[in-house]
Amino acid sequence: MTVDETHSGTSLIIETDFEGKIHVAGAPDPIEWLVGREVILNDSGSSVPEIAAHLLYWSTLYDFRTQTRYHKDCQKRLEDGFSYTYVENPGKDLSLKRKAHYYWKEAIAKDSAIDWSHILDILRKRIEYHIGYHRYTDRFTNSKHYVSRMELCCRLLELAAADYYDMGGVYVNPRNAYRFIGRIFSQYDYDKIGADDQFNELRLSELRRAKAYKILWKFLDHNLTYWWD
């Protein structure tokens, strides 16, 4: 396959799950999108063939056909007027279901009955699953727009669920902080924000989380029902 210039500039991030097995971070990409891309790996013990095998494994999460073959088959069905019945191979169907179950395994394993933020992680995982399907089928002229909306939603989910981390120079506007006072960003945090002490960065981090959390639900309200195939 030739290098897809549209996607070759984006890195692929490989992670290890709770069992130490390799998986691709975020939404899986079609096979055609993998050629010529940089792979960022947090596990130096894996060989190149092993990494390549896992990339191919996850790129077939939605179907074993390449994206090109899928589009050709869909076009043929349209031209034939859906005059034939498409029957899925039972073994292939079982393999795809097994792969989908494994996709969810990590999210379920890290779930917690006492921490509300894991609910957001599960929602993000589901939207990432949807992103991969939209990338693979690419049925509509506005699919790219929907995918970009989903990717932004996943970013909001990450920020809203994140524990405190080093802000790394990220700017957070504190002037409208009063609008986000609540369970995440407390009145005490608001009263103390800007104080010259060791906790100010933590307060800004919590403010950032609170903003993402509040924007998230409005964003879903405006966009979620458009994300269908």
C-alpha atoms as a PDB file:
ATOM      1  CA  MET A   1       0.000   0.000   0.000  1.00  0.00           C
ATOM      2  CA  THR A   2       1.127   3.551  -0.677  1.00  0.00           C
ATOM      3  CA  VAL A   3       1.545   6.178   2.024  1.00  0.00           C
ATOM      4  CA  ASP A   4      -1.679   8.070   2.711  1.00  0.00           C
ATOM      5  CA  GLU A   5      -0.428  11.654   2.859  1.00  0.00           C
ATOM      6  CA  THR A   6      -3.660  12.785   4.511  1.00  0.00           C
ATOM      7  CA  HIS A   7      -2.988  10.724   7.652  1.00  0.00           C
ATOM      8  CA  SER A   8       0.731   9.883   7.606  1.00  0.00           C
ATOM      9  CA  GLY A   9       1.640  12.988   9.626  1.00  0.00           C
ATOM     10  CA  THR A  10      -0.298  11.812  12.703  1.00  0.00           C
ATOM     11  CA  SER A  11       1.438   9.543  15.210  1.00  0.00           C
ATOM     12  CA  LEU A  12      -0.026   6.284  16.471  1.00  0.00           C
ATOM     13  CA  ILE A  13       0.224   5.709  20.210  1.00  0.00           C
ATOM     14  CA  ILE A  14       0.604   2.135  21.447  1.00  0.00           C
ATOM     15  CA  GLU A  15      -0.279   1.341  25.072  1.00  0.00           C
ATOM     16  CA  THR A  16      -0.301  -1.731  27.256  1.00  0.00           C
ATOM     17  CA  ASP A  17      -3.449  -2.730  29.099  1.00  0.00           C
ATOM     18  CA  PHE A  18      -3.920  -4.128  32.610  1.00  0.00           C
ATOM     19  CA  GLU A  19      -2.784  -7.550  31.373  1.00  0.00           C
ATOM     20  CA  GLY A  20       0.329  -6.156  29.718  1.00  0.00           C
ATOM     21  CA  LYS A  21      -1.086  -6.678  26.214  1.00  0.00           C
ATOM     22  CA  ILE A  22      -0.655  -4.144  23.433  1.00  0.00           C
ATOM     23  CA  HIS A  23      -3.491  -2.034  22.109  1.00  0.00           C
ATOM     24  CA  VAL A  24      -3.857   1.196  20.139  1.00  0.00           C
ATOM     25  CA  ALA A  25      -4.786   4.313  22.086  1.00  0.00           C
ATOM     26  CA  GLY A  26      -7.986   6.029  21.027  1.00  0.00           C
ATOM     27  CA  ALA A  27     -10.029   5.074  17.980  1.00  0.00           C
ATOM     28  CA  PRO A  28      -8.610   2.395  15.640  1.00  0.00           C
ATOM     29  CA  ASP A  29      -7.769   3.503  12.089  1.00  0.00           C
ATOM     30  CA  PRO A  30      -8.355   1.599   8.812  1.00  0.00           C
ATOM     31  CA  ILE A  31      -5.458  -0.417   7.404  1.00  0.00           C
ATOM     32  CA  GLU A  32      -4.794   2.126   4.632  1.00  0.00           C
ATOM     33  CA  TRP A  33      -4.182   4.840   7.216  1.00  0.00           C
ATOM     34  CA  LEU A  34      -1.346   2.947   8.943  1.00  0.00           C
ATOM     35  CA  VAL A  35       1.282   3.154   6.192  1.00  0.00           C
ATOM     36  CA  GLY A  36       4.139   5.594   6.784  1.00  0.00           C
ATOM     37  CA  ARG A  37       3.083   6.733  10.254  1.00  0.00           C
ATOM     38  CA  GLU A  38       5.239   7.171  13.333  1.00  0.00           C
ATOM     39  CA  VAL A  39       4.442   4.796  16.202  1.00  0.00           C
ATOM     40  CA  ILE A  40       4.939   6.006  19.773  1.00  0.00           C
ATOM     41  CA  LEU A  41       5.438   3.073  22.116  1.00  0.00           C
ATOM     42  CA  ASN A  42       5.555   3.067  25.915  1.00  0.00           C
ATOM     43  CA  ASP A  43       6.783  -0.526  25.997  1.00  0.00           C
ATOM     44  CA  SER A  44      10.296  -1.008  24.622  1.00  0.00           C
ATOM     45  CA  GLY A  45      10.108  -4.789  25.053  1.00  0.00           C
ATOM     46  CA  SER A  46       7.921  -5.371  21.988  1.00  0.00           C
ATOM     47  CA  SER A  47       9.391  -6.241  18.596  1.00  0.00           C
ATOM     48  CA  VAL A  48       8.517  -4.446  15.356  1.00  0.00           C
ATOM     49  CA  PRO A  49       6.622  -7.469  13.897  1.00  0.00           C
ATOM     50  CA  GLU A  50       4.615  -7.746  17.116  1.00  0.00           C
ATOM     51  CA  ILE A  51       3.663  -4.062  17.011  1.00  0.00           C
ATOM     52  CA  ALA A  52       2.721  -4.318  13.329  1.00  0.00           C
ATOM     53  CA  ALA A  53       0.531  -7.351  14.073  1.00  0.00           C
ATOM     54  CA  HIS A  54      -1.348  -5.472  16.781  1.00  0.00           C
ATOM     55  CA  LEU A  55      -1.846  -2.440  14.513  1.00  0.00           C
ATOM     56  CA  LEU A  56      -3.346  -4.699  11.857  1.00  0.00           C
ATOM     57  CA  TYR A  57      -5.434  -6.492  14.484  1.00  0.00           C
ATOM     58  CA  TRP A  58      -7.098  -3.306  15.722  1.00  0.00           C
ATOM     59  CA  SER A  59      -7.486  -1.863  12.214  1.00  0.00           C
ATOM     60  CA  THR A  60      -9.892  -4.746  11.501  1.00  0.00           C
ATOM     61  CA  LEU A  61     -12.116  -4.085  14.504  1.00  0.00           C
ATOM     62  CA  TYR A  62     -15.084  -3.247  12.247  1.00  0.00           C
ATOM     63  CA  ASP A  63     -14.445  -5.597   9.306  1.00  0.00           C
ATOM     64  CA  PHE A  64     -11.667  -7.675   7.794  1.00  0.00           C
ATOM     65  CA  ARG A  65     -11.992  -5.921   4.452  1.00  0.00           C
ATOM     66  CA  THR A  66      -9.778  -2.943   3.751  1.00  0.00           C
ATOM     67  CA  GLN A  67     -11.519   0.406   3.562  1.00  0.00           C
ATOM     68  CA  THR A  68     -11.094   0.396  -0.241  1.00  0.00           C
ATOM     69  CA  ARG A  69     -12.593  -3.086  -0.578  1.00  0.00           C
ATOM     70  CA  TYR A  70     -15.471  -2.118   1.705  1.00  0.00           C
ATOM     71  CA  HIS A  71     -16.317   0.914  -0.424  1.00  0.00           C
ATOM     72  CA  LYS A  72     -16.203  -1.157  -3.620  1.00  0.00           C
ATOM     73  CA  ASP A  73     -18.527  -3.766  -2.112  1.00  0.00           C
ATOM     74  CA  CYS A  74     -20.977  -1.071  -0.976  1.00  0.00           C
ATOM     75  CA  GLN A  75     -20.952   0.474  -4.440  1.00  0.00           C
ATOM     76  CA  LYS A  76     -21.700  -2.910  -5.993  1.00  0.00           C
ATOM     77  CA  ARG A  77     -24.642  -3.403  -3.669  1.00  0.00           C
ATOM     78  CA  LEU A  78     -26.001  -0.001  -4.657  1.00  0.00           C
ATOM     79  CA  GLU A  79     -25.573  -0.741  -8.358  1.00  0.00           C
ATOM     80  CA  ASP A  80     -27.269  -4.132  -7.968  1.00  0.00           C
ATOM     81  CA  GLY A  81     -30.158  -2.465  -6.146  1.00  0.00           C
ATOM     82  CA  PHE A  82     -29.653  -4.651  -3.056  1.00  0.00           C
ATOM     83  CA  SER A  83     -30.923  -7.564  -5.174  1.00  0.00           C
ATOM     84  CA  TYR A  84     -28.845 -10.108  -3.273  1.00  0.00           C
ATOM     85  CA  THR A  85     -28.739 -11.042   0.382  1.00  0.00           C
ATOM     86  CA  TYR A  86     -25.462 -10.371   2.142  1.00  0.00           C
ATOM     87  CA  VAL A  87     -24.658 -13.233   4.516  1.00  0.00           C
ATOM     88  CA  GLU A  88     -21.856 -12.807   7.020  1.00  0.00           C
ATOM     89  CA  ASN A  89     -19.479 -15.709   7.527  1.00  0.00           C
ATOM     90  CA  PRO A  90     -20.331 -17.092  11.021  1.00  0.00           C
ATOM     91  CA  GLY A  91     -16.670 -17.573  11.952  1.00  0.00           C
ATOM     92  CA  LYS A  92     -15.788 -14.073  10.802  1.00  0.00           C
ATOM     93  CA  ASP A  93     -18.759 -12.616  12.671  1.00  0.00           C
ATOM     94  CA  LEU A  94     -17.679 -14.407  15.855  1.00  0.00           C
ATOM     95  CA  SER A  95     -14.130 -13.101  15.467  1.00  0.00           C
ATOM     96  CA  LEU A  96     -15.362  -9.511  15.100  1.00  0.00           C
ATOM     97  CA  LYS A  97     -17.543  -9.873  18.191  1.00  0.00           C
ATOM     98  CA  ARG A  98     -14.624 -11.303  20.160  1.00  0.00           C
ATOM     99  CA  LYS A  99     -12.494  -8.350  19.075  1.00  0.00           C
ATOM    100  CA  ALA A 100     -15.186  -5.874  20.133  1.00  0.00           C
ATOM    101  CA  HIS A 101     -15.401  -7.546  23.551  1.00  0.00           C
ATOM    102  CA  TYR A 102     -11.646  -7.254  23.954  1.00  0.00           C
ATOM    103  CA  TYR A 103     -11.860  -3.583  22.964  1.00  0.00           C
ATOM    104  CA  TRP A 104     -14.116  -3.014  26.004  1.00  0.00           C
ATOM    105  CA  LYS A 105     -12.088  -5.198  28.358  1.00  0.00           C
ATOM    106  CA  GLU A 106      -9.705  -2.439  29.401  1.00  0.00           C
ATOM    107  CA  ALA A 107     -12.459   0.078  30.194  1.00  0.00           C
ATOM    108  CA  ILE A 108     -14.362  -2.446  32.295  1.00  0.00           C
ATOM    109  CA  ALA A 109     -11.245  -3.625  34.136  1.00  0.00           C
ATOM    110  CA  LYS A 110     -10.424  -0.056  35.186  1.00  0.00           C
ATOM    111  CA  ASP A 111     -13.993   0.764  36.217  1.00  0.00           C
ATOM    112  CA  SER A 112     -14.747   1.749  39.790  1.00  0.00           C
ATOM    113  CA  ALA A 113     -18.037   1.642  41.661  1.00  0.00           C
ATOM    114  CA  ILE A 114     -16.988   4.507  43.939  1.00  0.00           C
ATOM    115  CA  ASP A 115     -15.579   7.044  41.470  1.00  0.00           C
ATOM    116  CA  TRP A 116     -17.974   8.911  39.170  1.00  0.00           C
ATOM    117  CA  SER A 117     -15.169   9.867  36.764  1.00  0.00           C
ATOM    118  CA  HIS A 118     -14.998   6.289  35.430  1.00  0.00           C
ATOM    119  CA  ILE A 119     -18.466   6.823  33.951  1.00  0.00           C
ATOM    120  CA  LEU A 120     -16.903   9.484  31.740  1.00  0.00           C
ATOM    121  CA  ASP A 121     -14.114   7.073  30.754  1.00  0.00           C
ATOM    122  CA  ILE A 122     -16.680   4.512  29.587  1.00  0.00           C
ATOM    123  CA  LEU A 123     -18.565   7.173  27.624  1.00  0.00           C
ATOM    124  CA  ARG A 124     -15.304   8.297  25.988  1.00  0.00           C
ATOM    125  CA  LYS A 125     -14.474   4.700  25.059  1.00  0.00           C
ATOM    126  CA  ARG A 126     -17.871   4.304  23.414  1.00  0.00           C
ATOM    127  CA  ILE A 127     -17.444   7.497  21.374  1.00  0.00           C
ATOM    128  CA  GLU A 128     -13.958   6.390  20.304  1.00  0.00           C
ATOM    129  CA  TYR A 129     -15.519   3.128  19.101  1.00  0.00           C
ATOM    130  CA  HIS A 130     -17.975   5.191  17.064  1.00  0.00           C
ATOM    131  CA  ILE A 131     -15.166   7.378  15.675  1.00  0.00           C
ATOM    132  CA  GLY A 132     -13.350   4.333  14.335  1.00  0.00           C
ATOM    133  CA  TYR A 133     -16.501   3.105  12.600  1.00  0.00           C
ATOM    134  CA  HIS A 134     -17.125   6.485  10.964  1.00  0.00           C
ATOM    135  CA  ARG A 135     -13.513   6.613   9.765  1.00  0.00           C
ATOM    136  CA  TYR A 136     -13.784   3.126   8.339  1.00  0.00           C
ATOM    137  CA  THR A 137     -17.124   3.522   6.532  1.00  0.00           C
ATOM    138  CA  ASP A 138     -16.783   7.236   5.647  1.00  0.00           C
ATOM    139  CA  ARG A 139     -20.300   7.070   4.207  1.00  0.00           C
ATOM    140  CA  PHE A 140     -21.273  10.736   4.163  1.00  0.00           C
ATOM    141  CA  THR A 141     -19.800  13.994   2.905  1.00  0.00           C
ATOM    142  CA  ASN A 142     -20.017  15.397   6.450  1.00  0.00           C
ATOM    143  CA  SER A 143     -18.469  12.345   8.192  1.00  0.00           C
ATOM    144  CA  LYS A 144     -15.222  14.231   8.797  1.00  0.00           C
ATOM    145  CA  HIS A 145     -17.160  17.005  10.527  1.00  0.00           C
ATOM    146  CA  TYR A 146     -18.908  14.519  12.811  1.00  0.00           C
ATOM    147  CA  VAL A 147     -15.629  12.773  13.597  1.00  0.00           C
ATOM    148  CA  SER A 148     -13.989  16.082  14.534  1.00  0.00           C
ATOM    149  CA  ARG A 149     -16.929  16.801  16.863  1.00  0.00           C
ATOM    150  CA  MET A 150     -16.556  13.365  18.451  1.00  0.00           C
ATOM    151  CA  GLU A 151     -12.810  13.869  18.895  1.00  0.00           C
ATOM    152  CA  LEU A 152     -13.442  17.203  20.626  1.00  0.00           C
ATOM    153  CA  CYS A 153     -16.010  15.517  22.868  1.00  0.00           C
ATOM    154  CA  CYS A 154     -13.450  12.850  23.821  1.00  0.00           C
ATOM    155  CA  ARG A 155     -11.013  15.600  24.743  1.00  0.00           C
ATOM    156  CA  LEU A 156     -13.642  17.241  26.990  1.00  0.00           C
ATOM    157  CA  LEU A 157     -14.299  13.846  28.604  1.00  0.00           C
ATOM    158  CA  GLU A 158     -10.583  13.377  29.264  1.00  0.00           C
ATOM    159  CA  LEU A 159     -10.287  16.807  30.883  1.00  0.00           C
ATOM    160  CA  ALA A 160     -13.439  16.398  32.969  1.00  0.00           C
ATOM    161  CA  ALA A 161     -12.349  12.984  34.287  1.00  0.00           C
ATOM    162  CA  ALA A 162      -8.660  13.787  34.783  1.00  0.00           C
ATOM    163  CA  ASP A 163      -7.027  13.761  38.171  1.00  0.00           C
ATOM    164  CA  TYR A 164      -4.646  16.570  39.006  1.00  0.00           C
ATOM    165  CA  TYR A 165      -1.630  16.738  36.760  1.00  0.00           C
ATOM    166  CA  ASP A 166       1.144  19.202  35.958  1.00  0.00           C
ATOM    167  CA  MET A 167      -0.428  22.044  33.975  1.00  0.00           C
ATOM    168  CA  GLY A 168       2.773  22.437  31.968  1.00  0.00           C
ATOM    169  CA  GLY A 169       2.183  26.086  31.140  1.00  0.00           C
ATOM    170  CA  VAL A 170      -1.489  25.583  30.123  1.00  0.00           C
ATOM    171  CA  TYR A 171      -3.399  28.835  30.521  1.00  0.00           C
ATOM    172  CA  VAL A 172      -6.720  28.795  32.371  1.00  0.00           C
ATOM    173  CA  ASN A 173      -8.806  31.973  32.455  1.00  0.00           C
ATOM    174  CA  PRO A 174      -9.725  32.589  36.138  1.00  0.00           C
ATOM    175  CA  ARG A 175     -11.816  35.701  35.539  1.00  0.00           C
ATOM    176  CA  ASN A 176     -15.039  33.749  34.948  1.00  0.00           C
ATOM    177  CA  ALA A 177     -14.248  31.137  37.605  1.00  0.00           C
ATOM    178  CA  TYR A 178     -17.365  31.986  39.655  1.00  0.00           C
ATOM    179  CA  ARG A 179     -19.541  30.422  36.934  1.00  0.00           C
ATOM    180  CA  PHE A 180     -18.019  26.992  37.591  1.00  0.00           C
ATOM    181  CA  ILE A 181     -18.262  26.794  41.388  1.00  0.00           C
ATOM    182  CA  GLY A 182     -19.616  23.400  42.367  1.00  0.00           C
ATOM    183  CA  ARG A 183     -18.538  19.907  43.398  1.00  0.00           C
ATOM    184  CA  ILE A 184     -15.347  19.928  41.301  1.00  0.00           C
ATOM    185  CA  PHE A 185     -14.256  23.530  41.780  1.00  0.00           C
ATOM    186  CA  SER A 186     -15.363  24.605  45.266  1.00  0.00           C
ATOM    187  CA  GLN A 187     -16.138  27.988  46.781  1.00  0.00           C
ATOM    188  CA  TYR A 188     -12.951  27.614  48.829  1.00  0.00           C
ATOM    189  CA  ASP A 189     -10.925  27.113  45.635  1.00  0.00           C
ATOM    190  CA  TYR A 190     -12.547  30.187  44.141  1.00  0.00           C
ATOM    191  CA  ASP A 191     -11.778  32.323  47.199  1.00  0.00           C
ATOM    192  CA  LYS A 192      -8.155  31.159  47.199  1.00  0.00           C
ATOM    193  CA  ILE A 193      -7.448  31.226  43.469  1.00  0.00           C
ATOM    194  CA  GLY A 194      -4.467  33.381  42.630  1.00  0.00           C
ATOM    195  CA  ALA A 195      -2.978  32.975  46.080  1.00  0.00           C
ATOM    196  CA  ASP A 196       0.786  32.702  46.136  1.00  0.00           C
ATOM    197  CA  ASP A 197       1.013  29.190  47.548  1.00  0.00           C
ATOM    198  CA  GLN A 198       1.806  25.637  46.439  1.00  0.00           C
ATOM    199  CA  PHE A 199      -1.855  24.784  45.739  1.00  0.00           C
ATOM    200  CA  ASN A 200      -2.627  27.430  43.126  1.00  0.00           C
ATOM    201  CA  GLU A 201      -1.770  25.147  40.206  1.00  0.00           C
ATOM    202  CA  LEU A 202      -4.053  22.492  41.694  1.00  0.00           C
ATOM    203  CA  ARG A 203      -6.894  25.029  41.882  1.00  0.00           C
ATOM    204  CA  LEU A 204      -6.369  25.983  38.236  1.00  0.00           C
ATOM    205  CA  SER A 205      -6.389  22.314  37.306  1.00  0.00           C
ATOM    206  CA  GLU A 206      -9.692  21.803  39.111  1.00  0.00           C
ATOM    207  CA  LEU A 207     -11.112  24.905  37.426  1.00  0.00           C
ATOM    208  CA  ARG A 208     -10.119  23.464  34.065  1.00  0.00           C
ATOM    209  CA  ARG A 209     -11.866  20.197  34.926  1.00  0.00           C
ATOM    210  CA  ALA A 210     -14.998  22.037  36.039  1.00  0.00           C
ATOM    211  CA  LYS A 211     -15.127  24.033  32.803  1.00  0.00           C
ATOM    212  CA  ALA A 212     -14.733  20.894  30.681  1.00  0.00           C
ATOM    213  CA  TYR A 213     -17.433  19.119  32.704  1.00  0.00           C
ATOM    214  CA  LYS A 214     -19.951  21.940  32.274  1.00  0.00           C
ATOM    215  CA  ILE A 215     -19.260  22.433  28.551  1.00  0.00           C
ATOM    216  CA  LEU A 216     -19.397  18.660  27.957  1.00  0.00           C
ATOM    217  CA  TRP A 217     -23.135  18.228  28.567  1.00  0.00           C
ATOM    218  CA  LYS A 218     -24.097  21.214  26.435  1.00  0.00           C
ATOM    219  CA  PHE A 219     -21.826  19.888  23.709  1.00  0.00           C
ATOM    220  CA  LEU A 220     -23.462  16.450  23.839  1.00  0.00           C
ATOM    221  CA  ASP A 221     -26.916  18.014  23.795  1.00  0.00           C
ATOM    222  CA  HIS A 222     -26.093  19.831  20.564  1.00  0.00           C
ATOM    223  CA  ASN A 223     -24.219  17.020  18.811  1.00  0.00           C
ATOM    224  CA  LEU A 224     -24.950  13.498  20.079  1.00  0.00           C
ATOM    225  CA  THR A 225     -28.069  12.742  18.032  1.00  0.00           C
ATOM    226  CA  TYR A 226     -26.235  13.566  14.778  1.00  0.00           C
ATOM    227  CA  TRP A 227     -23.719  10.760  15.349  1.00  0.00           C
ATOM    228  CA  TRP A 228     -25.497   7.955  13.584  1.00  0.00           C
ATOM    229  CA  ASP A 229     -24.833   5.898  10.481  1.00  0.00           C
END
